[in-house]
């Protein structure tokens, strides 16, 4: 009646699927942790080059299939956030989605998160009285906001997350206003 060989094959297939899924989750956690360490190092003006190398290696080993986990998407967003911040600080350049080899959705989500780090960079620069850096982080955030306004974002996760850029820009505008008021 029941084809036992068929069920044996399905059990094996599910076992392999779950093992690969667990691998994706594990690698994603590793990427998230490395990304956070890079951001922390950049914020403290410490070298993050070795961590960037480790993060790129971890991404390269990430299986292409998502296996129904949101972890891989989150890991790629953190990857974008960390490497774009690192590149802006080290090279003065925002890498593209293509340069980072990530899907557009995760790239844009990561850029939304990046703006929060740019606020932090600006506040730290203001504390150190490095006002040109405050202006630089404000300018980059304003440019990102302008580009996001041109996107046709619907009521999805990305549209909601893109509101962060607006709020972060408002924080930076407030900081710029405070600095200009105090210097007058």
N, C-alpha and C. Protein backbone atom coordinates (compact mmCIF):
# COMPACT_ATOMS: atom_id res chain seq x y z
N UNK A 1 0.81 -1.20 0.00
CA UNK A 1 0.00 0.00 0.00
C UNK A 1 0.86 1.27 0.00
N UNK A 2 1.64 1.45 1.04
CA UNK A 2 2.49 2.63 1.14
C UNK A 2 3.87 2.29 0.60
N UNK A 3 4.41 3.18 -0.20
CA UNK A 3 5.74 2.97 -0.76
C UNK A 3 6.78 3.43 0.27
N UNK A 4 7.34 2.46 1.00
CA UNK A 4 8.29 2.75 2.08
C UNK A 4 9.57 3.38 1.55
N UNK A 5 10.01 2.95 0.37
CA UNK A 5 11.23 3.52 -0.21
C UNK A 5 11.04 5.02 -0.48
N UNK A 6 9.85 5.37 -0.90
CA UNK A 6 9.55 6.77 -1.17
C UNK A 6 9.65 7.59 0.12
N UNK A 7 9.10 7.04 1.22
CA UNK A 7 9.17 7.75 2.49
C UNK A 7 10.59 7.81 3.03
N UNK A 8 11.36 6.76 2.84
CA UNK A 8 12.78 6.77 3.22
C UNK A 8 13.52 7.88 2.47
N UNK A 9 13.26 7.98 1.19
CA UNK A 9 13.91 9.01 0.37
C UNK A 9 13.51 10.41 0.83
N UNK A 10 12.23 10.58 1.16
CA UNK A 10 11.77 11.90 1.63
C UNK A 10 12.39 12.25 2.97
N UNK A 11 12.52 11.25 3.87
CA UNK A 11 13.15 11.49 5.16
C UNK A 11 14.59 11.95 4.98
N UNK A 12 15.31 11.28 4.09
CA UNK A 12 16.70 11.65 3.82
C UNK A 12 16.77 13.06 3.23
N UNK A 13 15.87 13.35 2.31
CA UNK A 13 15.86 14.67 1.68
C UNK A 13 15.57 15.76 2.72
N UNK A 14 14.62 15.51 3.61
CA UNK A 14 14.31 16.48 4.67
C UNK A 14 15.48 16.66 5.63
N UNK A 15 16.17 15.57 5.92
CA UNK A 15 17.33 15.64 6.82
C UNK A 15 18.42 16.51 6.21
N UNK A 16 18.70 16.31 4.94
CA UNK A 16 19.71 17.12 4.24
C UNK A 16 19.27 18.59 4.21
N UNK A 17 17.98 18.81 3.92
CA UNK A 17 17.45 20.17 3.90
C UNK A 17 17.65 20.85 5.25
N UNK A 18 17.30 20.16 6.33
CA UNK A 18 17.43 20.74 7.67
C UNK A 18 18.89 21.00 8.04
N UNK A 19 19.79 20.11 7.63
CA UNK A 19 21.21 20.33 7.89
C UNK A 19 21.70 21.58 7.16
N UNK A 20 21.32 21.73 5.91
CA UNK A 20 21.73 22.91 5.14
C UNK A 20 21.07 24.17 5.69
N UNK A 21 19.83 24.04 6.14
CA UNK A 21 19.13 25.18 6.74
C UNK A 21 19.86 25.63 8.00
N UNK A 22 20.25 24.68 8.84
CA UNK A 22 21.00 25.01 10.05
C UNK A 22 22.34 25.66 9.72
N UNK A 23 22.95 25.22 8.64
CA UNK A 23 24.21 25.82 8.19
C UNK A 23 23.99 27.28 7.79
N UNK A 24 22.91 27.56 7.10
CA UNK A 24 22.58 28.94 6.72
C UNK A 24 22.39 29.79 7.97
N UNK A 25 21.66 29.27 8.93
CA UNK A 25 21.41 30.01 10.17
C UNK A 25 22.72 30.27 10.90
N UNK A 26 23.56 29.27 11.01
CA UNK A 26 24.84 29.41 11.70
C UNK A 26 25.75 30.43 11.00
N UNK A 27 25.86 30.32 9.69
CA UNK A 27 26.70 31.26 8.93
C UNK A 27 26.12 32.67 9.00
N UNK A 28 24.81 32.77 8.99
CA UNK A 28 24.16 34.08 9.08
C UNK A 28 24.46 34.73 10.42
N UNK A 29 24.40 33.95 11.49
CA UNK A 29 24.74 34.47 12.82
C UNK A 29 26.18 34.97 12.86
N UNK A 30 27.07 34.19 12.26
CA UNK A 30 28.48 34.58 12.20
C UNK A 30 28.64 35.91 11.46
N UNK A 31 27.94 36.06 10.34
CA UNK A 31 28.01 37.30 9.57
C UNK A 31 27.46 38.49 10.37
N UNK A 32 26.37 38.27 11.08
CA UNK A 32 25.77 39.34 11.88
C UNK A 32 26.74 39.78 12.97
N UNK A 33 27.35 38.81 13.62
CA UNK A 33 28.30 39.12 14.69
C UNK A 33 29.52 39.87 14.15
N UNK A 34 30.08 39.41 13.04
CA UNK A 34 31.22 40.10 12.44
C UNK A 34 30.84 41.51 11.99
N UNK A 35 29.66 41.66 11.43
CA UNK A 35 29.20 42.98 10.98
C UNK A 35 29.13 43.94 12.15
N UNK A 36 28.58 43.50 13.26
CA UNK A 36 28.47 44.35 14.44
C UNK A 36 29.85 44.73 14.97
N UNK A 37 30.79 43.79 14.92
CA UNK A 37 32.15 44.08 15.38
C UNK A 37 32.84 45.09 14.47
N UNK A 38 32.58 45.00 13.17
CA UNK A 38 33.15 45.98 12.23
C UNK A 38 32.61 47.37 12.54
N UNK A 39 31.31 47.47 12.69
CA UNK A 39 30.68 48.76 12.97
C UNK A 39 31.24 49.33 14.27
N UNK A 40 31.35 48.51 15.29
CA UNK A 40 31.88 48.96 16.58
C UNK A 40 33.32 49.44 16.42
N UNK A 41 34.12 48.72 15.67
CA UNK A 41 35.52 49.11 15.45
C UNK A 41 35.61 50.43 14.69
N UNK A 42 34.81 50.56 13.64
CA UNK A 42 34.83 51.80 12.86
C UNK A 42 34.41 52.98 13.73
N UNK A 43 33.38 52.80 14.54
CA UNK A 43 32.91 53.88 15.41
C UNK A 43 33.99 54.30 16.41
N UNK A 44 34.85 53.37 16.79
CA UNK A 44 35.91 53.66 17.76
C UNK A 44 37.23 54.02 17.08
N UNK A 45 37.20 54.14 15.76
CA UNK A 45 38.39 54.47 14.96
C UNK A 45 39.49 53.42 15.14
N UNK A 46 39.08 52.18 15.24
CA UNK A 46 40.02 51.06 15.32
C UNK A 46 40.05 50.35 13.97
N UNK A 47 41.13 49.63 13.72
CA UNK A 47 41.25 48.91 12.46
C UNK A 47 40.21 47.79 12.39
N UNK A 48 39.55 47.71 11.25
CA UNK A 48 38.55 46.66 11.05
C UNK A 48 38.86 45.83 9.82
N UNK A 49 40.01 46.04 9.21
CA UNK A 49 40.35 45.37 7.95
C UNK A 49 40.31 43.85 8.07
N UNK A 50 40.85 43.31 9.14
CA UNK A 50 40.85 41.85 9.32
C UNK A 50 39.42 41.32 9.49
N UNK A 51 38.60 42.06 10.21
CA UNK A 51 37.20 41.65 10.38
C UNK A 51 36.46 41.70 9.04
N UNK A 52 36.78 42.69 8.21
CA UNK A 52 36.16 42.79 6.88
C UNK A 52 36.53 41.57 6.05
N UNK A 53 37.79 41.16 6.12
CA UNK A 53 38.23 39.96 5.40
C UNK A 53 37.46 38.74 5.88
N UNK A 54 37.31 38.60 7.19
CA UNK A 54 36.57 37.47 7.75
C UNK A 54 35.10 37.50 7.32
N UNK A 55 34.52 38.70 7.29
CA UNK A 55 33.11 38.83 6.91
C UNK A 55 32.91 38.46 5.44
N UNK A 56 33.80 38.91 4.59
CA UNK A 56 33.69 38.56 3.16
C UNK A 56 33.84 37.06 2.96
N UNK A 57 34.71 36.45 3.73
CA UNK A 57 34.91 35.00 3.66
C UNK A 57 33.64 34.27 4.13
N UNK A 58 33.05 34.75 5.21
CA UNK A 58 31.82 34.15 5.73
C UNK A 58 30.69 34.28 4.71
N UNK A 59 30.59 35.43 4.04
CA UNK A 59 29.54 35.61 3.03
C UNK A 59 29.75 34.67 1.86
N UNK A 60 31.01 34.51 1.45
CA UNK A 60 31.31 33.63 0.31
C UNK A 60 30.92 32.19 0.60
N UNK A 61 30.96 31.80 1.88
CA UNK A 61 30.62 30.42 2.24
C UNK A 61 29.13 30.23 2.51
N UNK A 62 28.37 31.31 2.44
CA UNK A 62 26.93 31.23 2.69
C UNK A 62 26.24 30.55 1.52
N UNK A 63 25.48 29.49 1.77
CA UNK A 63 24.76 28.83 0.67
C UNK A 63 23.82 29.81 -0.03
N UNK A 64 23.63 29.61 -1.31
CA UNK A 64 22.80 30.52 -2.10
C UNK A 64 21.32 30.43 -1.74
N UNK A 65 20.87 29.26 -1.32
CA UNK A 65 19.46 29.08 -0.97
C UNK A 65 19.18 29.65 0.42
N UNK A 66 18.05 30.30 0.59
CA UNK A 66 17.69 30.90 1.88
C UNK A 66 17.08 29.88 2.83
N UNK A 67 16.54 28.78 2.32
CA UNK A 67 15.96 27.72 3.15
C UNK A 67 14.89 28.22 4.11
N UNK A 68 14.06 29.13 3.65
CA UNK A 68 12.92 29.62 4.44
C UNK A 68 13.32 30.24 5.77
N UNK A 69 14.50 30.82 5.86
CA UNK A 69 14.87 31.52 7.08
C UNK A 69 15.02 33.00 6.75
N UNK A 70 14.66 33.84 7.67
CA UNK A 70 14.89 35.27 7.48
C UNK A 70 16.31 35.65 7.86
N UNK A 71 17.03 34.70 8.46
CA UNK A 71 18.38 34.97 8.95
C UNK A 71 19.32 35.40 7.84
N UNK A 72 19.22 34.77 6.70
CA UNK A 72 20.14 35.09 5.61
C UNK A 72 19.91 36.53 5.14
N UNK A 73 18.68 36.95 5.03
CA UNK A 73 18.38 38.32 4.63
C UNK A 73 18.91 39.31 5.66
N UNK A 74 18.69 39.03 6.94
CA UNK A 74 19.19 39.90 8.01
C UNK A 74 20.72 39.96 7.96
N UNK A 75 21.36 38.81 7.76
CA UNK A 75 22.82 38.77 7.70
C UNK A 75 23.33 39.62 6.54
N UNK A 76 22.67 39.54 5.40
CA UNK A 76 23.10 40.33 4.24
C UNK A 76 22.87 41.83 4.47
N UNK A 77 21.80 42.18 5.17
CA UNK A 77 21.56 43.59 5.50
C UNK A 77 22.66 44.11 6.43
N UNK A 78 23.02 43.31 7.42
CA UNK A 78 24.10 43.69 8.34
C UNK A 78 25.43 43.79 7.60
N UNK A 79 25.64 42.87 6.67
CA UNK A 79 26.84 42.86 5.83
C UNK A 79 26.93 44.18 5.06
N UNK A 80 25.83 44.59 4.45
CA UNK A 80 25.79 45.85 3.70
C UNK A 80 26.07 47.02 4.63
N UNK A 81 25.41 47.05 5.78
CA UNK A 81 25.59 48.14 6.73
C UNK A 81 27.06 48.26 7.14
N UNK A 82 27.67 47.14 7.49
CA UNK A 82 29.05 47.16 7.96
C UNK A 82 30.03 47.56 6.86
N UNK A 83 29.89 46.95 5.68
CA UNK A 83 30.86 47.23 4.62
C UNK A 83 30.67 48.60 3.99
N UNK A 84 29.45 49.11 3.96
CA UNK A 84 29.27 50.47 3.43
C UNK A 84 29.84 51.50 4.41
N UNK A 85 29.65 51.29 5.71
CA UNK A 85 30.24 52.20 6.70
C UNK A 85 31.76 52.15 6.61
N UNK A 86 32.30 50.94 6.58
CA UNK A 86 33.76 50.77 6.48
C UNK A 86 34.29 51.48 5.25
N UNK A 87 33.65 51.29 4.11
CA UNK A 87 34.10 51.89 2.86
C UNK A 87 33.98 53.42 2.89
N UNK A 88 32.91 53.94 3.45
CA UNK A 88 32.76 55.39 3.54
C UNK A 88 33.87 56.01 4.38
N UNK A 89 34.21 55.35 5.48
CA UNK A 89 35.25 55.87 6.36
C UNK A 89 36.64 55.69 5.75
N UNK A 90 36.90 54.52 5.21
CA UNK A 90 38.24 54.20 4.70
C UNK A 90 38.51 54.75 3.30
N UNK A 91 37.50 54.76 2.44
CA UNK A 91 37.72 55.12 1.03
C UNK A 91 36.91 56.33 0.58
N UNK A 92 35.97 56.77 1.41
CA UNK A 92 35.12 57.89 1.03
C UNK A 92 34.14 57.56 -0.07
N UNK A 93 33.81 56.28 -0.20
CA UNK A 93 32.97 55.82 -1.32
C UNK A 93 31.92 54.84 -0.81
N UNK A 94 30.70 54.96 -1.34
CA UNK A 94 29.63 54.03 -1.01
C UNK A 94 29.62 52.92 -2.06
N UNK A 95 29.95 51.68 -1.66
CA UNK A 95 29.93 50.59 -2.65
C UNK A 95 28.50 50.29 -3.11
N UNK A 96 28.39 49.81 -4.33
CA UNK A 96 27.09 49.48 -4.91
C UNK A 96 26.66 48.07 -4.49
N UNK A 97 25.40 47.75 -4.75
CA UNK A 97 24.90 46.40 -4.50
C UNK A 97 25.69 45.39 -5.32
N UNK A 98 26.00 45.77 -6.55
CA UNK A 98 26.76 44.88 -7.43
C UNK A 98 28.17 44.65 -6.88
N UNK A 99 28.81 45.71 -6.40
CA UNK A 99 30.16 45.57 -5.84
C UNK A 99 30.16 44.68 -4.59
N UNK A 100 29.09 44.75 -3.82
CA UNK A 100 28.98 43.91 -2.62
C UNK A 100 28.41 42.53 -2.93
N UNK A 101 27.92 42.36 -4.16
CA UNK A 101 27.33 41.10 -4.60
C UNK A 101 26.17 40.66 -3.70
N UNK A 102 25.24 41.58 -3.51
CA UNK A 102 24.06 41.30 -2.69
C UNK A 102 22.81 41.69 -3.47
N UNK A 103 21.67 41.07 -3.17
CA UNK A 103 20.42 41.45 -3.83
C UNK A 103 20.04 42.90 -3.50
N UNK A 104 19.35 43.54 -4.42
CA UNK A 104 18.97 44.95 -4.26
C UNK A 104 18.16 45.16 -2.98
N UNK A 105 17.22 44.29 -2.69
CA UNK A 105 16.37 44.45 -1.50
C UNK A 105 17.21 44.52 -0.23
N UNK A 106 18.13 43.58 -0.06
CA UNK A 106 18.98 43.55 1.13
C UNK A 106 19.92 44.75 1.15
N UNK A 107 20.38 45.16 -0.03
CA UNK A 107 21.26 46.33 -0.11
C UNK A 107 20.53 47.57 0.39
N UNK A 108 19.33 47.79 -0.11
CA UNK A 108 18.57 48.98 0.30
C UNK A 108 18.21 48.93 1.78
N UNK A 109 17.86 47.75 2.27
CA UNK A 109 17.55 47.60 3.71
C UNK A 109 18.80 47.93 4.54
N UNK A 110 19.96 47.46 4.09
CA UNK A 110 21.21 47.74 4.79
C UNK A 110 21.54 49.23 4.79
N UNK A 111 21.24 49.91 3.68
CA UNK A 111 21.48 51.36 3.62
C UNK A 111 20.60 52.11 4.60
N UNK A 112 19.38 51.64 4.80
CA UNK A 112 18.50 52.26 5.80
C UNK A 112 19.17 52.19 7.17
N UNK A 113 19.72 51.03 7.51
CA UNK A 113 20.40 50.87 8.79
C UNK A 113 21.69 51.69 8.85
N UNK A 114 22.37 51.81 7.73
CA UNK A 114 23.60 52.59 7.67
C UNK A 114 23.39 54.00 8.18
N UNK A 115 22.26 54.60 7.86
CA UNK A 115 22.05 56.00 8.25
C UNK A 115 22.04 56.19 9.77
N UNK A 116 21.64 55.18 10.50
CA UNK A 116 21.73 55.25 11.96
C UNK A 116 23.18 55.32 12.42
N UNK A 117 24.03 54.57 11.73
CA UNK A 117 25.46 54.62 12.06
C UNK A 117 26.07 55.96 11.65
N UNK A 118 25.55 56.55 10.59
CA UNK A 118 26.05 57.87 10.17
C UNK A 118 25.69 58.93 11.21
N UNK A 119 24.52 58.81 11.82
CA UNK A 119 24.16 59.71 12.92
C UNK A 119 25.16 59.56 14.05
N UNK A 120 25.47 58.33 14.40
CA UNK A 120 26.43 58.06 15.48
C UNK A 120 27.80 58.65 15.13
N UNK A 121 28.23 58.47 13.87
CA UNK A 121 29.51 59.03 13.43
C UNK A 121 29.49 60.55 13.56
N UNK A 122 28.38 61.18 13.18
CA UNK A 122 28.26 62.63 13.25
C UNK A 122 28.29 63.13 14.69
N UNK A 123 27.59 62.46 15.57
CA UNK A 123 27.59 62.86 16.98
C UNK A 123 29.00 62.74 17.56
N UNK A 124 29.67 61.64 17.27
CA UNK A 124 31.04 61.47 17.75
C UNK A 124 31.97 62.53 17.17
N UNK A 125 31.77 62.88 15.90
CA UNK A 125 32.57 63.94 15.28
C UNK A 125 32.29 65.28 15.95
N UNK A 126 31.04 65.55 16.28
CA UNK A 126 30.70 66.81 16.95
C UNK A 126 31.36 66.89 18.32
N UNK A 127 31.39 65.78 19.02
CA UNK A 127 32.04 65.74 20.34
C UNK A 127 33.52 66.08 20.20
N UNK A 128 34.13 65.60 19.12
CA UNK A 128 35.57 65.86 18.88
C UNK A 128 35.79 67.20 18.18
N UNK A 129 34.71 67.93 17.94
CA UNK A 129 34.74 69.23 17.26
C UNK A 129 35.28 69.12 15.83
N UNK A 130 34.96 68.02 15.19
CA UNK A 130 35.32 67.80 13.78
C UNK A 130 34.08 68.08 12.93
N UNK A 131 33.80 69.36 12.78
CA UNK A 131 32.54 69.79 12.18
C UNK A 131 32.43 69.46 10.70
N UNK A 132 33.54 69.39 10.00
CA UNK A 132 33.50 68.99 8.57
C UNK A 132 32.97 67.56 8.44
N UNK A 133 33.34 66.71 9.38
CA UNK A 133 32.85 65.32 9.36
C UNK A 133 31.35 65.27 9.64
N UNK A 134 30.89 66.12 10.55
CA UNK A 134 29.45 66.18 10.83
C UNK A 134 28.71 66.54 9.53
N UNK A 135 29.22 67.55 8.83
CA UNK A 135 28.60 67.97 7.57
C UNK A 135 28.65 66.85 6.53
N UNK A 136 29.77 66.13 6.51
CA UNK A 136 29.92 65.03 5.55
C UNK A 136 28.86 63.95 5.78
N UNK A 137 28.67 63.52 7.04
CA UNK A 137 27.69 62.47 7.35
C UNK A 137 26.28 62.96 7.08
N UNK A 138 26.04 64.24 7.36
CA UNK A 138 24.73 64.83 7.06
C UNK A 138 24.48 64.81 5.56
N UNK A 139 25.48 65.22 4.79
CA UNK A 139 25.35 65.29 3.33
C UNK A 139 25.05 63.90 2.74
N UNK A 140 25.77 62.89 3.19
CA UNK A 140 25.57 61.53 2.67
C UNK A 140 24.16 61.04 3.01
N UNK A 141 23.72 61.29 4.23
CA UNK A 141 22.37 60.88 4.64
C UNK A 141 21.31 61.61 3.81
N UNK A 142 21.52 62.89 3.58
CA UNK A 142 20.57 63.66 2.76
C UNK A 142 20.53 63.12 1.33
N UNK A 143 21.69 62.77 0.78
CA UNK A 143 21.72 62.20 -0.57
C UNK A 143 20.97 60.86 -0.62
N UNK A 144 21.21 60.02 0.38
CA UNK A 144 20.51 58.73 0.43
C UNK A 144 19.00 58.95 0.52
N UNK A 145 18.58 59.88 1.35
CA UNK A 145 17.16 60.17 1.49
C UNK A 145 16.57 60.61 0.15
N UNK A 146 17.28 61.48 -0.54
CA UNK A 146 16.82 61.94 -1.85
C UNK A 146 16.67 60.81 -2.84
N UNK A 147 17.61 59.87 -2.83
CA UNK A 147 17.53 58.73 -3.74
C UNK A 147 16.39 57.79 -3.37
N UNK A 148 16.17 57.59 -2.07
CA UNK A 148 15.08 56.72 -1.63
C UNK A 148 13.72 57.32 -1.99
N UNK A 149 13.63 58.66 -1.99
CA UNK A 149 12.37 59.30 -2.37
C UNK A 149 12.01 59.00 -3.82
N UNK A 150 12.99 58.72 -4.64
CA UNK A 150 12.76 58.43 -6.06
C UNK A 150 12.32 56.99 -6.29
N UNK A 151 12.46 56.14 -5.28
CA UNK A 151 12.06 54.74 -5.41
C UNK A 151 10.55 54.62 -5.24
N UNK A 152 9.95 53.69 -5.94
CA UNK A 152 8.52 53.44 -5.82
C UNK A 152 8.32 52.36 -4.77
N UNK A 153 8.40 52.77 -3.51
CA UNK A 153 8.28 51.80 -2.41
C UNK A 153 6.82 51.69 -1.99
N UNK A 154 6.33 50.47 -1.94
CA UNK A 154 4.95 50.22 -1.51
C UNK A 154 4.93 50.03 0.00
N UNK A 155 3.87 49.50 0.52
CA UNK A 155 3.74 49.35 1.97
C UNK A 155 4.44 48.11 2.51
N UNK A 156 5.55 47.75 1.96
CA UNK A 156 6.28 46.58 2.43
C UNK A 156 7.30 46.94 3.49
N UNK A 157 8.07 45.94 3.83
CA UNK A 157 9.10 46.08 4.86
C UNK A 157 10.11 47.17 4.51
N UNK A 158 10.52 47.22 3.25
CA UNK A 158 11.50 48.21 2.82
C UNK A 158 10.95 49.63 2.95
N UNK A 159 9.70 49.83 2.58
CA UNK A 159 9.11 51.16 2.69
C UNK A 159 9.09 51.62 4.14
N UNK A 160 8.73 50.72 5.03
CA UNK A 160 8.68 51.06 6.46
C UNK A 160 10.08 51.35 6.98
N UNK A 161 11.03 50.53 6.58
CA UNK A 161 12.40 50.71 7.06
C UNK A 161 13.03 51.98 6.50
N UNK A 162 12.59 52.38 5.31
CA UNK A 162 13.16 53.59 4.71
C UNK A 162 12.80 54.85 5.50
N UNK A 163 11.76 54.77 6.33
CA UNK A 163 11.43 55.90 7.20
C UNK A 163 12.58 56.22 8.16
N UNK A 164 13.41 55.23 8.46
CA UNK A 164 14.57 55.47 9.33
C UNK A 164 15.46 56.56 8.75
N UNK A 165 15.59 56.56 7.44
CA UNK A 165 16.45 57.56 6.80
C UNK A 165 15.93 58.96 7.09
N UNK A 166 14.62 59.14 6.96
CA UNK A 166 14.01 60.44 7.22
C UNK A 166 14.25 60.86 8.67
N UNK A 167 14.03 59.94 9.61
CA UNK A 167 14.22 60.26 11.02
C UNK A 167 15.69 60.56 11.32
N UNK A 168 16.58 59.78 10.73
CA UNK A 168 18.01 60.01 10.96
C UNK A 168 18.45 61.33 10.35
N UNK A 169 17.90 61.67 9.20
CA UNK A 169 18.21 62.97 8.59
C UNK A 169 17.73 64.10 9.49
N UNK A 170 16.55 63.94 10.07
CA UNK A 170 16.04 64.97 10.99
C UNK A 170 16.96 65.12 12.20
N UNK A 171 17.48 64.01 12.72
CA UNK A 171 18.42 64.08 13.84
C UNK A 171 19.67 64.86 13.43
N UNK A 172 20.17 64.56 12.24
CA UNK A 172 21.38 65.25 11.77
C UNK A 172 21.11 66.73 11.50
N UNK A 173 19.94 67.05 10.99
CA UNK A 173 19.59 68.45 10.78
C UNK A 173 19.51 69.18 12.12
N UNK A 174 18.98 68.53 13.14
CA UNK A 174 18.94 69.11 14.48
C UNK A 174 20.35 69.33 15.02
N UNK A 175 21.21 68.35 14.81
CA UNK A 175 22.60 68.48 15.25
C UNK A 175 23.29 69.63 14.53
N UNK A 176 23.08 69.71 13.21
CA UNK A 176 23.68 70.80 12.43
C UNK A 176 23.17 72.16 12.93
N UNK A 177 21.89 72.24 13.20
CA UNK A 177 21.31 73.49 13.70
C UNK A 177 21.94 73.87 15.04
N UNK A 178 22.04 72.90 15.94
CA UNK A 178 22.64 73.16 17.25
C UNK A 178 24.08 73.64 17.11
N UNK A 179 24.84 73.01 16.25
CA UNK A 179 26.24 73.40 16.06
C UNK A 179 26.35 74.80 15.47
N UNK A 180 25.49 75.11 14.51
CA UNK A 180 25.51 76.45 13.89
C UNK A 180 25.08 77.50 14.91
N UNK A 181 24.09 77.19 15.74
CA UNK A 181 23.61 78.13 16.74
C UNK A 181 24.69 78.44 17.76
N UNK A 182 25.43 77.43 18.15
CA UNK A 182 26.48 77.61 19.16
C UNK A 182 27.69 78.35 18.61
N UNK A 183 27.90 78.24 17.30
CA UNK A 183 29.07 78.90 16.72
C UNK A 183 28.79 80.36 16.37
N UNK A 184 27.51 80.76 16.43
CA UNK A 184 27.14 82.15 16.07
C UNK A 184 27.29 83.08 17.24
